[in-house]
């Protein structure tokens, strides 16, 4: 895992070397100060050589100015390195999520996915910046300071070192606790985000059922669990920090007392004692760095583990190694003994064989849950079939590149999804880069242009999140305009007019009829009146395709379709 983490430094090798090099030089300059103090106290001060003292002071000032410049580079450019790595990871994760199939999104909450892309990666930047340099500088400073302390007074140096194993034990012990707490904390914040996403997205349902107290209680529970998880992490941090603080102060106290005794016995000069005390501070400074690193490392690695879990999730629908791009498909669709089931469920479709001719309009009717939408979702490979094959123009869809396959298929659903932008942006989503003339023509053909021109801001009208500022009929027509712009040879209409009033439905039905002209069209409908002129009607039930034929033929059979017709219109079957 560390090797994979290190790979994210490769694009920024120069930046890393600049940051790392400056940090090392700044750490080395820190070691010069105690030596200068010892020299001034033991040699220059007794002689009263003020010119040399002034020169030494000027030299130290120069060292501090250099150190200041180096610290600026480490702080700004080093954090830039961490931010770059965090940004790259987030972009990589977003790109990967775009490739995942519907099955993944069926089983994962939106808020949880959002949390993986945001909260989980917050600590990555800090760890990316401070991790390698702090670990190296801590060891280097540790070794450098201890080596110099040995030359000053080896007995006092060894006394100082006695406490180090206890410090290491404290850091390692509480780091394990913090690792578990950090993982739990990320899981809890993901649950909070999921609750917020559900509640905000469904705010109209919440308020219409007056269930605000229920949502508040649910959020309170998730929020309190996150609070408890966060407190556990800070409890581990507090124990660790307090223990380290006590041990470092104990070292300083022991050195002060023992050093005073050695000075009294003549084994240590005053300058050496002062220098030794300064070196103790330098010697202990890496402990603070290591402690800070041990605080950020569990959080960063916990986030990185969750990042990898999602990044390593393989899409169950992806291009085959030999997949080819396709162009100019006519729209002949063939189902060959197709079987499909959702995870943990019985087969939704079993042994389906079906041929749809290019340009034909085929309607699918039947009870809810019979598999009508599922059958249509298999054509653009939103789900992978369990058995059998689907072919378009004689080419198996598994042998086509996904992008080129889906570029030939358009879908208009009952629940239209619109983006929180302008009308123009939402229509243009059907073909990015389309001209203004093409966008307006698509709006006209969807019977939407008159409404748009009546708005103060016209095409630049912002429609709100999910298009909530528009009526249901306007949203449907905008989706149809988007499809006119895409202009696919295969069209799937999934209950596209079922939630509309009669007048609006008539307008949209006219637009859909024009949209379906000369295209292979699959229409999923419950209102039989909207599909009576289809070239073919398929009655789909739990056993597969029960009946097939034109409206009049199916009524004459007096079978499943006729029963559906009677149930809707309450009349005897007439041909």
Protein backbone atom coordinates (compact mmCIF):
# COMPACT_ATOMS: atom_id res chain seq x y z
CA UNK A 1 0.00 0.00 0.00
CA UNK A 2 2.87 2.40 0.79
CA UNK A 3 4.30 1.67 -2.65
CA UNK A 4 1.02 2.67 -4.27
CA UNK A 5 0.92 5.81 -2.15
CA UNK A 6 4.50 6.68 -3.16
CA UNK A 7 3.54 6.41 -6.86
CA UNK A 8 1.52 9.61 -6.54
CA UNK A 9 4.77 11.55 -5.94
CA UNK A 10 6.18 10.61 -9.36
CA UNK A 11 4.53 13.45 -11.36
CA UNK A 12 5.94 15.94 -8.83
CA UNK A 13 9.50 14.65 -8.38
CA UNK A 14 11.08 18.09 -8.78
CA UNK A 15 8.66 19.70 -6.34
CA UNK A 16 9.26 16.90 -3.84
CA UNK A 17 13.05 17.22 -4.12
CA UNK A 18 12.82 21.00 -3.67
CA UNK A 19 10.63 20.67 -0.59
CA UNK A 20 12.65 17.78 0.84
CA UNK A 21 16.02 19.42 0.19
CA UNK A 22 15.02 22.73 1.75
CA UNK A 23 13.62 20.95 4.81
CA UNK A 24 16.88 19.01 5.26
CA UNK A 25 19.06 22.14 4.93
CA UNK A 26 16.83 24.04 7.37
CA UNK A 27 17.15 21.18 9.88
CA UNK A 28 20.95 21.18 9.52
CA UNK A 29 21.09 24.93 10.11
CA UNK A 30 19.27 24.38 13.41
CA UNK A 31 22.25 22.35 14.64
CA UNK A 32 24.59 25.35 14.19
CA UNK A 33 22.96 27.55 16.83
CA UNK A 34 23.98 25.62 20.00
CA UNK A 35 27.58 25.38 18.71
CA UNK A 36 27.67 29.14 18.23
CA UNK A 37 26.26 29.72 21.73
CA UNK A 38 28.86 27.38 23.27
CA UNK A 39 31.66 29.17 21.40
CA UNK A 40 30.44 32.59 22.49
CA UNK A 41 29.96 31.62 26.17
CA UNK A 42 33.20 29.63 26.57
CA UNK A 43 35.60 31.50 24.28
CA UNK A 44 34.44 34.93 23.18
CA UNK A 45 32.67 36.14 26.31
CA UNK A 46 35.59 35.53 28.76
CA UNK A 47 37.96 37.31 26.36
CA UNK A 48 35.60 40.24 25.87
CA UNK A 49 36.06 39.99 22.10
CA UNK A 50 33.01 42.05 21.18
CA UNK A 51 33.94 42.43 17.55
CA UNK A 52 33.90 38.65 17.14
CA UNK A 53 30.70 38.43 19.18
CA UNK A 54 29.09 40.96 16.81
CA UNK A 55 30.40 39.05 13.80
CA UNK A 56 29.04 35.80 15.21
CA UNK A 57 25.70 37.48 15.84
CA UNK A 58 25.63 38.77 12.25
CA UNK A 59 26.46 35.29 10.97
CA UNK A 60 23.62 33.81 13.04
CA UNK A 61 21.27 36.47 11.66
CA UNK A 62 22.26 35.43 8.14
CA UNK A 63 21.62 31.80 9.06
CA UNK A 64 18.17 32.74 10.39
CA UNK A 65 17.35 34.67 7.19
CA UNK A 66 18.33 31.66 5.11
CA UNK A 67 16.30 29.42 7.38
CA UNK A 68 13.30 31.74 7.03
CA UNK A 69 13.47 31.49 3.22
CA UNK A 70 13.79 27.73 3.41
CA UNK A 71 10.85 27.48 5.81
CA UNK A 72 8.71 29.53 3.42
CA UNK A 73 9.52 27.12 0.58
CA UNK A 74 8.77 24.12 2.81
CA UNK A 75 5.46 25.57 4.03
CA UNK A 76 4.10 26.85 0.71
CA UNK A 77 5.62 24.57 -1.94
CA UNK A 78 5.48 21.58 0.37
CA UNK A 79 1.77 22.08 0.97
CA UNK A 80 1.34 22.60 -2.76
CA UNK A 81 2.84 19.14 -3.25
CA UNK A 82 0.33 17.65 -0.79
CA UNK A 83 -2.59 19.49 -2.38
CA UNK A 84 -1.55 18.33 -5.84
CA UNK A 85 -1.48 14.71 -4.71
CA UNK A 86 -4.85 15.05 -2.97
CA UNK A 87 -6.33 16.68 -6.09
CA UNK A 88 -4.97 13.95 -8.36
CA UNK A 89 -6.42 11.24 -6.13
CA UNK A 90 -9.83 12.91 -6.06
CA UNK A 91 -9.83 13.33 -9.84
CA UNK A 92 -8.76 9.72 -10.35
CA UNK A 93 -11.51 8.52 -8.02
CA UNK A 94 -14.17 10.63 -9.75
CA UNK A 95 -13.06 9.35 -13.16
CA UNK A 96 -13.23 5.78 -11.87
CA UNK A 97 -16.71 6.21 -10.38
CA UNK A 98 -17.95 7.45 -13.76
CA UNK A 99 -17.04 4.03 -15.19
CA UNK A 100 -18.88 1.96 -12.59
CA UNK A 101 -22.09 0.26 -13.63
CA UNK A 102 -25.62 0.66 -12.34
CA UNK A 103 -25.23 -2.40 -10.15
CA UNK A 104 -22.63 -0.56 -8.05
CA UNK A 105 -24.87 2.48 -7.57
CA UNK A 106 -27.80 0.23 -6.70
CA UNK A 107 -25.81 -1.03 -3.69
CA UNK A 108 -24.03 2.15 -2.51
CA UNK A 109 -25.43 5.36 -1.10
CA UNK A 110 -24.64 8.64 -2.85
CA UNK A 111 -23.57 10.27 0.42
CA UNK A 112 -21.09 7.47 1.11
CA UNK A 113 -19.52 7.86 -2.33
CA UNK A 114 -19.31 11.62 -1.82
CA UNK A 115 -17.61 11.10 1.52
CA UNK A 116 -14.96 8.90 -0.12
CA UNK A 117 -14.15 11.74 -2.51
CA UNK A 118 -14.09 14.53 0.06
CA UNK A 119 -13.67 13.79 3.77
CA UNK A 120 -11.57 10.66 3.30
CA UNK A 121 -8.94 12.58 1.35
CA UNK A 122 -8.71 15.70 3.55
CA UNK A 123 -5.82 14.29 5.60
CA UNK A 124 -4.00 12.94 2.54
CA UNK A 125 -2.57 16.35 1.61
CA UNK A 126 -1.05 16.92 5.04
CA UNK A 127 0.36 13.42 5.21
CA UNK A 128 1.74 13.66 1.66
CA UNK A 129 3.57 16.85 2.53
CA UNK A 130 4.80 16.17 6.06
CA UNK A 131 5.11 12.38 6.04
CA UNK A 132 8.37 11.66 4.17
CA UNK A 133 10.23 14.84 5.10
CA UNK A 134 9.23 14.79 8.77
CA UNK A 135 10.19 11.13 9.14
CA UNK A 136 13.60 11.66 7.48
CA UNK A 137 14.36 14.97 9.22
CA UNK A 138 13.33 13.56 12.59
CA UNK A 139 15.78 10.67 12.22
CA UNK A 140 18.51 12.95 10.84
CA UNK A 141 18.07 15.57 13.58
CA UNK A 142 17.85 12.85 16.18
CA UNK A 143 21.11 11.26 15.03
CA UNK A 144 22.87 14.61 14.47
CA UNK A 145 21.93 16.09 17.82
CA UNK A 146 22.77 12.88 19.69
CA UNK A 147 26.17 12.58 17.98
CA UNK A 148 27.09 16.15 18.97
CA UNK A 149 25.78 15.56 22.51
CA UNK A 150 28.08 12.53 22.76
CA UNK A 151 31.07 14.72 21.90
CA UNK A 152 30.05 17.28 24.53
CA UNK A 153 29.46 14.79 27.37
CA UNK A 154 28.84 11.12 26.63
CA UNK A 155 27.48 10.30 30.11
CA UNK A 156 24.86 13.04 29.92
CA UNK A 157 24.01 11.98 26.37
CA UNK A 158 23.34 8.40 27.46
CA UNK A 159 21.20 9.60 30.38
CA UNK A 160 19.16 11.61 27.88
CA UNK A 161 18.72 8.61 25.60
CA UNK A 162 17.31 6.35 28.35
CA UNK A 163 13.84 7.89 28.03
CA UNK A 164 13.64 7.45 24.22
CA UNK A 165 12.37 3.79 24.27
CA UNK A 166 9.48 4.86 26.50
CA UNK A 167 8.61 7.64 24.05
CA UNK A 168 8.62 5.19 21.15
CA UNK A 169 6.35 2.80 23.06
CA UNK A 170 3.84 5.59 23.78
CA UNK A 171 3.79 6.67 20.14
CA UNK A 172 3.36 3.14 18.72
CA UNK A 173 0.75 2.07 21.29
CA UNK A 174 -1.53 5.04 20.82
CA UNK A 175 -0.96 5.11 17.05
CA UNK A 176 -2.70 1.72 16.84
CA UNK A 177 -5.65 3.03 18.81
CA UNK A 178 -5.79 6.15 16.64
CA UNK A 179 -5.76 4.04 13.46
CA UNK A 180 -8.89 2.18 14.57
CA UNK A 181 -10.55 5.39 15.75
CA UNK A 182 -9.78 7.18 12.45
CA UNK A 183 -11.27 4.36 10.36
CA UNK A 184 -14.41 4.40 12.48
CA UNK A 185 -14.57 8.19 12.23
CA UNK A 186 -14.54 8.10 8.41
CA UNK A 187 -17.30 5.49 8.40
CA UNK A 188 -19.45 7.64 10.68
CA UNK A 189 -19.00 10.84 8.67
CA UNK A 190 -19.98 8.88 5.55
CA UNK A 191 -23.23 7.93 7.30
CA UNK A 192 -23.82 11.58 8.25
CA UNK A 193 -23.29 12.63 4.63
CA UNK A 194 -25.67 9.92 3.41
CA UNK A 195 -28.34 11.08 5.84
CA UNK A 196 -27.94 14.72 4.75
CA UNK A 197 -28.03 13.76 1.05
CA UNK A 198 -31.21 11.68 1.51
CA UNK A 199 -32.96 14.29 3.60
CA UNK A 200 -32.10 17.27 1.38
CA UNK A 201 -32.88 15.43 -1.87
CA UNK A 202 -36.19 14.28 -0.45
CA UNK A 203 -37.08 17.50 1.39
CA UNK A 204 -40.44 17.78 -0.43
CA UNK A 205 -41.41 14.28 0.68
CA UNK A 206 -40.18 14.98 4.24
CA UNK A 207 -42.19 18.17 4.56
CA UNK A 208 -45.28 16.83 2.82
CA UNK A 209 -45.44 13.98 5.36
CA UNK A 210 -44.47 16.38 8.20
CA UNK A 211 -41.66 14.00 9.12
CA UNK A 212 -39.12 16.68 10.00
CA UNK A 213 -38.85 15.46 13.63
CA UNK A 214 -38.14 11.91 12.38
CA UNK A 215 -35.37 13.15 10.06
CA UNK A 216 -33.94 15.32 12.82
CA UNK A 217 -33.85 12.33 15.17
CA UNK A 218 -32.20 10.13 12.53
CA UNK A 219 -29.60 12.81 11.90
CA UNK A 220 -29.08 13.29 15.63
CA UNK A 221 -28.27 9.59 16.02
CA UNK A 222 -25.76 9.62 13.13
CA UNK A 223 -24.29 12.92 14.30
CA UNK A 224 -23.81 11.64 17.85
CA UNK A 225 -22.14 8.46 16.58
CA UNK A 226 -19.73 10.60 14.57
CA UNK A 227 -19.13 12.78 17.63
CA UNK A 228 -18.32 9.70 19.71
CA UNK A 229 -15.95 8.36 17.05
CA UNK A 230 -14.19 11.71 16.80
CA UNK A 231 -13.88 11.95 20.56
CA UNK A 232 -12.28 8.50 20.66
CA UNK A 233 -9.66 9.64 18.18
CA UNK A 234 -8.93 12.76 20.22
CA UNK A 235 -8.79 10.66 23.39
CA UNK A 236 -5.99 8.60 21.84
CA UNK A 237 -4.26 11.79 20.65
CA UNK A 238 -4.59 13.39 24.09
CA UNK A 239 -3.13 10.39 25.94
CA UNK A 240 -0.27 10.24 23.46
CA UNK A 241 0.44 13.99 23.56
CA UNK A 242 0.24 14.15 27.36
CA UNK A 243 2.55 11.17 27.80
CA UNK A 244 5.08 12.58 25.34
CA UNK A 245 4.91 16.01 26.97
CA UNK A 246 5.65 14.51 30.37
CA UNK A 247 8.52 12.37 29.08
CA UNK A 248 10.16 15.27 27.20
CA UNK A 249 9.92 17.57 30.20
CA UNK A 250 11.34 14.78 32.36
CA UNK A 251 14.34 14.52 30.02
CA UNK A 252 14.90 18.30 30.20
CA UNK A 253 14.69 18.20 34.01
CA UNK A 254 17.11 15.24 34.30
CA UNK A 255 19.60 16.94 31.93
CA UNK A 256 19.35 20.20 33.87
CA UNK A 257 19.97 18.54 37.25
CA UNK A 258 22.66 16.12 36.02
CA UNK A 259 24.27 18.81 33.88
CA UNK A 260 24.44 21.17 36.85
CA UNK A 261 26.14 18.41 38.87
CA UNK A 262 28.68 17.73 36.09
CA UNK A 263 29.37 21.48 35.81
CA UNK A 264 29.84 21.67 39.59
CA UNK A 265 32.30 18.76 39.38
CA UNK A 266 34.18 20.47 36.56
CA UNK A 267 33.26 17.84 33.97
CA UNK A 268 31.24 20.36 31.95
CA UNK A 269 31.84 24.04 31.13
CA UNK A 270 29.07 26.63 31.38
CA UNK A 271 29.02 26.96 27.60
CA UNK A 272 28.81 23.21 27.18
CA UNK A 273 25.93 23.04 29.67
CA UNK A 274 24.00 25.77 27.83
CA UNK A 275 24.78 24.14 24.47
CA UNK A 276 23.76 20.74 25.80
CA UNK A 277 20.41 22.10 27.01
CA UNK A 278 19.83 23.64 23.59
CA UNK A 279 20.73 20.36 21.92
CA UNK A 280 18.28 18.55 24.18
CA UNK A 281 15.55 20.80 22.75
CA UNK A 282 16.76 20.01 19.22
CA UNK A 283 16.97 16.32 20.16
CA UNK A 284 13.39 16.37 21.43
CA UNK A 285 12.00 18.44 18.57
CA UNK A 286 11.80 15.35 16.28
CA UNK A 287 9.63 13.73 18.95
CA UNK A 288 7.04 16.45 18.36
CA UNK A 289 7.36 15.92 14.60
CA UNK A 290 6.98 12.17 14.95
CA UNK A 291 4.02 12.63 17.27
CA UNK A 292 2.35 15.00 14.78
CA UNK A 293 3.10 12.51 12.02
CA UNK A 294 1.63 9.69 14.05
CA UNK A 295 -1.54 11.76 14.46
CA UNK A 296 -1.90 12.49 10.74
CA UNK A 297 -0.63 9.12 9.49
CA UNK A 298 -3.54 6.95 10.80
CA UNK A 299 -6.10 9.45 9.51
CA UNK A 300 -4.35 9.77 6.16
CA UNK A 301 -3.85 6.03 5.72
CA UNK A 302 -7.40 5.25 6.88
CA UNK A 303 -8.65 7.63 4.17
CA UNK A 304 -6.21 6.14 1.66
CA UNK A 305 -7.43 2.59 2.44
CA UNK A 306 -11.02 3.63 1.79
CA UNK A 307 -9.86 5.46 -1.34
CA UNK A 308 -8.22 2.25 -2.61
CA UNK A 309 -11.29 0.16 -1.76
CA UNK A 310 -13.38 2.26 -4.12
CA UNK A 311 -10.61 2.66 -6.70
CA UNK A 312 -10.09 -1.11 -6.79
CA UNK A 313 -13.80 -1.77 -7.33
CA UNK A 314 -13.90 -3.21 -10.82
CA UNK A 315 -16.90 -2.26 -12.96
CA UNK A 316 -18.84 -5.39 -13.82
CA UNK A 317 -19.66 -3.82 -17.19
CA UNK A 318 -16.61 -2.72 -19.17
CA UNK A 319 -15.07 -2.90 -22.60
CA UNK A 320 -13.86 -6.32 -23.67
CA UNK A 321 -10.19 -6.42 -24.75
CA UNK A 322 -11.26 -6.83 -28.38
CA UNK A 323 -14.15 -4.32 -28.26
CA UNK A 324 -14.47 -2.16 -31.36
CA UNK A 325 -16.05 1.25 -31.96
CA UNK A 326 -19.22 1.22 -34.08
CA UNK A 327 -20.68 3.92 -36.27
CA UNK A 328 -23.95 4.35 -38.12
CA UNK A 329 -25.95 1.55 -36.49
CA UNK A 330 -29.34 1.03 -38.12
CA UNK A 331 -31.06 -0.37 -35.03
CA UNK A 332 -31.83 -4.05 -35.66
CA UNK A 333 -31.93 -5.50 -32.13
CA UNK A 334 -31.84 -9.20 -31.32
CA UNK A 335 -32.17 -10.91 -27.91
CA UNK A 336 -30.76 -14.43 -27.98
CA UNK A 337 -31.88 -16.58 -25.04
CA UNK A 338 -31.18 -13.73 -22.59
CA UNK A 339 -31.26 -14.40 -18.83
CA UNK A 340 -30.78 -11.79 -16.13
CA UNK A 341 -31.18 -11.41 -12.36
CA UNK A 342 -30.35 -8.77 -9.79
CA UNK A 343 -28.03 -9.68 -6.92
CA UNK A 344 -29.66 -12.08 -4.51
CA UNK A 345 -32.89 -12.31 -6.52
CA UNK A 346 -34.48 -14.86 -8.77
CA UNK A 347 -34.24 -14.42 -12.54
CA UNK A 348 -36.07 -11.31 -13.71
CA UNK A 349 -35.68 -12.38 -17.32
CA UNK A 350 -35.22 -15.97 -18.41
CA UNK A 351 -34.62 -17.29 -21.93
CA UNK A 352 -35.79 -14.13 -23.72
CA UNK A 353 -35.69 -14.33 -27.53
CA UNK A 354 -36.75 -11.22 -29.41
CA UNK A 355 -36.12 -9.54 -32.76
CA UNK A 356 -36.78 -5.84 -33.32
CA UNK A 357 -36.39 -4.46 -36.84
CA UNK A 358 -34.65 -1.16 -37.54
CA UNK A 359 -37.15 1.70 -37.47
CA UNK A 360 -39.82 -0.41 -35.74
CA UNK A 361 -41.78 0.94 -32.75
CA UNK A 362 -42.26 -1.78 -30.15
CA UNK A 363 -44.31 -1.20 -27.01
CA UNK A 364 -43.80 -3.21 -23.81
CA UNK A 365 -46.73 -3.54 -21.44
CA UNK A 366 -47.44 -5.70 -18.43
CA UNK A 367 -47.50 -5.67 -14.64
CA UNK A 368 -44.90 -3.77 -12.61
CA UNK A 369 -41.82 -5.83 -11.83
CA UNK A 370 -42.22 -8.07 -14.87
CA UNK A 371 -38.88 -6.87 -16.29
CA UNK A 372 -39.85 -4.30 -18.95
CA UNK A 373 -37.40 -1.62 -17.78
CA UNK A 374 -34.76 -4.26 -17.07
CA UNK A 375 -35.06 -5.61 -20.62
CA UNK A 376 -34.48 -2.10 -22.02
CA UNK A 377 -31.61 -1.41 -19.60
CA UNK A 378 -29.72 -4.39 -20.98
CA UNK A 379 -29.51 -2.89 -24.49
CA UNK A 380 -27.08 -0.05 -23.55
CA UNK A 381 -25.36 -2.49 -21.14
CA UNK A 382 -26.30 -0.64 -17.99
CA UNK A 383 -26.33 -4.18 -16.60
CA UNK A 384 -24.55 -7.27 -17.91
CA UNK A 385 -26.67 -10.23 -18.94
CA UNK A 386 -26.17 -13.44 -16.96
CA UNK A 387 -26.69 -15.63 -19.99
CA UNK A 388 -27.31 -15.31 -23.69
CA UNK A 389 -26.47 -12.39 -25.95
CA UNK A 390 -27.88 -9.14 -27.29
CA UNK A 391 -26.85 -8.01 -30.76
CA UNK A 392 -27.42 -4.81 -32.71
CA UNK A 393 -27.13 -5.03 -36.49
CA UNK A 394 -25.72 -8.52 -35.99
CA UNK A 395 -22.87 -7.36 -33.72
CA UNK A 396 -22.87 -8.53 -30.12
CA UNK A 397 -23.07 -5.50 -27.83
CA UNK A 398 -20.29 -7.06 -25.71
CA UNK A 399 -18.02 -6.68 -28.74
CA UNK A 400 -18.77 -2.94 -29.02
CA UNK A 401 -17.01 -0.19 -27.11
CA UNK A 402 -19.40 1.10 -24.46
CA UNK A 403 -19.09 4.75 -25.47
CA UNK A 404 -19.93 4.09 -29.11
CA UNK A 405 -22.77 1.70 -28.19
CA UNK A 406 -24.42 4.19 -25.84
CA UNK A 407 -23.88 7.04 -28.30
CA UNK A 408 -26.41 5.27 -30.55
CA UNK A 409 -29.08 4.92 -27.83
CA UNK A 410 -31.29 7.61 -26.32
CA UNK A 411 -33.42 7.19 -23.20
CA UNK A 412 -36.31 9.36 -22.01
CA UNK A 413 -37.64 8.35 -18.60
CA UNK A 414 -40.59 9.34 -16.47
CA UNK A 415 -38.26 10.65 -13.76
CA UNK A 416 -36.23 13.14 -15.79
CA UNK A 417 -32.88 14.17 -14.36
CA UNK A 418 -31.80 17.72 -15.14
CA UNK A 419 -28.66 19.50 -13.99
CA UNK A 420 -28.73 22.66 -11.87
CA UNK A 421 -27.76 24.95 -14.74
CA UNK A 422 -29.51 26.86 -17.51
CA UNK A 423 -32.02 25.57 -20.04
CA UNK A 424 -29.38 25.91 -22.76
CA UNK A 425 -26.84 23.84 -20.81
CA UNK A 426 -29.36 21.07 -20.18
CA UNK A 427 -30.46 20.81 -23.81
CA UNK A 428 -26.85 21.01 -25.02
CA UNK A 429 -26.02 18.04 -22.78
CA UNK A 430 -27.47 15.90 -25.55
CA UNK A 431 -24.57 16.90 -27.80
CA UNK A 432 -21.84 18.91 -26.14
CA UNK A 433 -20.60 21.72 -28.35
CA UNK A 434 -23.85 21.98 -30.34
CA UNK A 435 -24.52 25.30 -32.06
CA UNK A 436 -27.12 27.77 -30.80
CA UNK A 437 -29.17 27.11 -33.93
CA UNK A 438 -29.24 23.35 -33.29
CA UNK A 439 -30.20 23.90 -29.62
CA UNK A 440 -33.09 26.17 -30.61
CA UNK A 441 -34.23 23.73 -33.30
CA UNK A 442 -34.24 20.88 -30.73
CA UNK A 443 -36.31 23.04 -28.35
CA UNK A 444 -38.75 23.87 -31.16
CA UNK A 445 -39.22 20.25 -32.14
CA UNK A 446 -39.88 19.39 -28.47
CA UNK A 447 -42.62 22.09 -28.35
CA UNK A 448 -40.55 24.00 -25.80
CA UNK A 449 -39.36 27.09 -27.70
CA UNK A 450 -42.46 29.19 -27.12
CA UNK A 451 -42.23 28.65 -23.37
CA UNK A 452 -38.50 29.48 -23.36
CA UNK A 453 -39.00 32.71 -25.33
CA UNK A 454 -41.63 33.78 -22.80
CA UNK A 455 -39.08 33.68 -19.97
CA UNK A 456 -37.21 36.91 -19.06
CA UNK A 457 -33.83 35.23 -19.46
CA UNK A 458 -34.82 32.82 -22.21
CA UNK A 459 -32.29 30.04 -22.77
CA UNK A 460 -30.18 31.42 -19.90
CA UNK A 461 -32.90 30.74 -17.32
CA UNK A 462 -31.51 28.77 -14.38
CA UNK A 463 -33.83 25.83 -13.70
CA UNK A 464 -32.66 24.90 -10.17
CA UNK A 465 -31.49 21.59 -8.80
CA UNK A 466 -32.97 18.69 -10.80
CA UNK A 467 -35.02 21.28 -12.75
CA UNK A 468 -37.36 21.94 -9.85
CA UNK A 469 -38.30 25.40 -11.15
CA UNK A 470 -39.96 23.77 -14.15
CA UNK A 471 -43.24 21.87 -14.32
CA UNK A 472 -43.29 18.13 -14.94
CA UNK A 473 -44.30 18.65 -18.57
CA UNK A 474 -41.58 21.25 -19.14
CA UNK A 475 -38.97 18.91 -17.70
CA UNK A 476 -40.15 16.12 -19.99
CA UNK A 477 -40.03 18.37 -23.04
CA UNK A 478 -36.54 19.54 -22.10
CA UNK A 479 -35.44 15.90 -21.92
CA UNK A 480 -37.00 15.29 -25.33
CA UNK A 481 -35.20 18.35 -26.76
CA UNK A 482 -31.96 16.93 -25.40
CA UNK A 483 -32.73 13.69 -27.23
CA UNK A 484 -33.54 15.48 -30.49
CA UNK A 485 -30.07 17.01 -30.24
CA UNK A 486 -28.43 13.64 -29.61
CA UNK A 487 -30.34 12.16 -32.55
CA UNK A 488 -29.72 8.43 -31.78
CA UNK A 489 -30.93 5.62 -34.08
CA UNK A 490 -32.31 3.67 -31.08
CA UNK A 491 -34.77 5.26 -28.66
CA UNK A 492 -36.11 3.96 -25.33
CA UNK A 493 -39.15 5.70 -23.82
CA UNK A 494 -39.66 4.51 -20.25
CA UNK A 495 -43.06 5.71 -18.97
CA UNK A 496 -42.22 9.09 -20.49
CA UNK A 497 -45.76 10.53 -20.19
CA UNK A 498 -47.38 8.56 -17.37
CA UNK A 499 -47.22 11.34 -14.76
CA UNK A 500 -48.65 14.14 -16.92
CA UNK A 501 -52.08 15.67 -17.35
CA UNK A 502 -54.03 14.90 -20.53
CA UNK A 503 -53.32 18.20 -22.31
CA UNK A 504 -49.59 18.12 -21.56
CA UNK A 505 -49.45 14.44 -22.43
CA UNK A 506 -50.96 15.18 -25.85
CA UNK A 507 -48.30 17.83 -26.56
CA UNK A 508 -45.48 15.57 -25.42
CA UNK A 509 -46.92 12.59 -27.30
CA UNK A 510 -46.73 14.63 -30.49
CA UNK A 511 -43.08 15.43 -29.73
CA UNK A 512 -42.34 11.80 -28.96
CA UNK A 513 -44.04 10.64 -32.17
CA UNK A 514 -41.82 12.99 -34.15
CA UNK A 515 -38.79 11.90 -32.14
CA UNK A 516 -39.54 8.21 -32.80
CA UNK A 517 -39.90 8.71 -36.57
CA UNK A 518 -37.46 6.49 -38.49
CA UNK A 519 -35.85 5.23 -35.28
CA UNK A 520 -35.95 1.87 -33.56
CA UNK A 521 -38.14 2.73 -30.59
CA UNK A 522 -38.98 0.75 -27.48
CA UNK A 523 -41.87 2.22 -25.50
CA UNK A 524 -42.57 1.11 -21.91
CA UNK A 525 -46.09 2.17 -20.99
CA UNK A 526 -48.92 1.48 -18.61
CA UNK A 527 -51.42 3.71 -20.44
CA UNK A 528 -52.46 1.51 -23.35
CA UNK A 529 -53.98 4.43 -25.23
CA UNK A 530 -50.51 5.88 -25.83
CA UNK A 531 -49.20 2.78 -27.60
CA UNK A 532 -52.16 1.52 -29.63
CA UNK A 533 -50.50 2.65 -32.87
CA UNK A 534 -47.20 0.88 -32.15
CA UNK A 535 -45.94 -1.47 -34.88
CA UNK A 536 -45.86 -4.25 -32.31
CA UNK A 537 -46.95 -4.65 -28.69
CA UNK A 538 -45.24 -7.12 -26.36
CA UNK A 539 -46.98 -8.25 -23.18
CA UNK A 540 -44.28 -9.00 -20.60
CA UNK A 541 -45.04 -10.95 -17.43
CA UNK A 542 -43.09 -13.03 -14.93
CA UNK A 543 -42.80 -15.83 -17.50
CA UNK A 544 -41.28 -13.63 -20.20
CA UNK A 545 -42.99 -12.40 -23.36
CA UNK A 546 -46.53 -13.72 -23.10
CA UNK A 547 -48.04 -12.13 -26.22
CA UNK A 548 -46.89 -10.20 -29.28
CA UNK A 549 -48.81 -8.40 -31.99
CA UNK A 550 -50.63 -5.22 -33.00
CA UNK A 551 -53.31 -3.62 -30.84
CA UNK A 552 -56.23 -5.04 -32.79
CA UNK A 553 -54.67 -8.51 -33.04
CA UNK A 554 -54.08 -8.73 -29.31
CA UNK A 555 -57.60 -7.58 -28.48
CA UNK A 556 -58.92 -10.25 -30.81
CA UNK A 557 -56.93 -12.92 -28.98
CA UNK A 558 -58.75 -12.00 -25.77
CA UNK A 559 -55.68 -12.86 -23.73
CA UNK A 560 -53.42 -10.98 -21.30
CA UNK A 561 -53.45 -7.75 -23.33
CA UNK A 562 -57.22 -7.77 -23.62
CA UNK A 563 -57.51 -8.21 -19.84
CA UNK A 564 -55.20 -5.22 -19.30
CA UNK A 565 -57.31 -3.22 -21.75
CA UNK A 566 -60.53 -4.09 -19.96
CA UNK A 567 -58.99 -3.25 -16.60
CA UNK A 568 -58.05 0.22 -17.84
CA UNK A 569 -61.08 1.11 -19.93
CA UNK A 570 -63.76 -0.96 -18.22
CA UNK A 571 -65.36 -2.11 -21.45
CA UNK A 572 -65.81 -5.21 -23.50
CA UNK A 573 -63.12 -6.08 -25.96
CA UNK A 574 -63.84 -4.68 -29.41
CA UNK A 575 -61.71 -4.95 -32.47
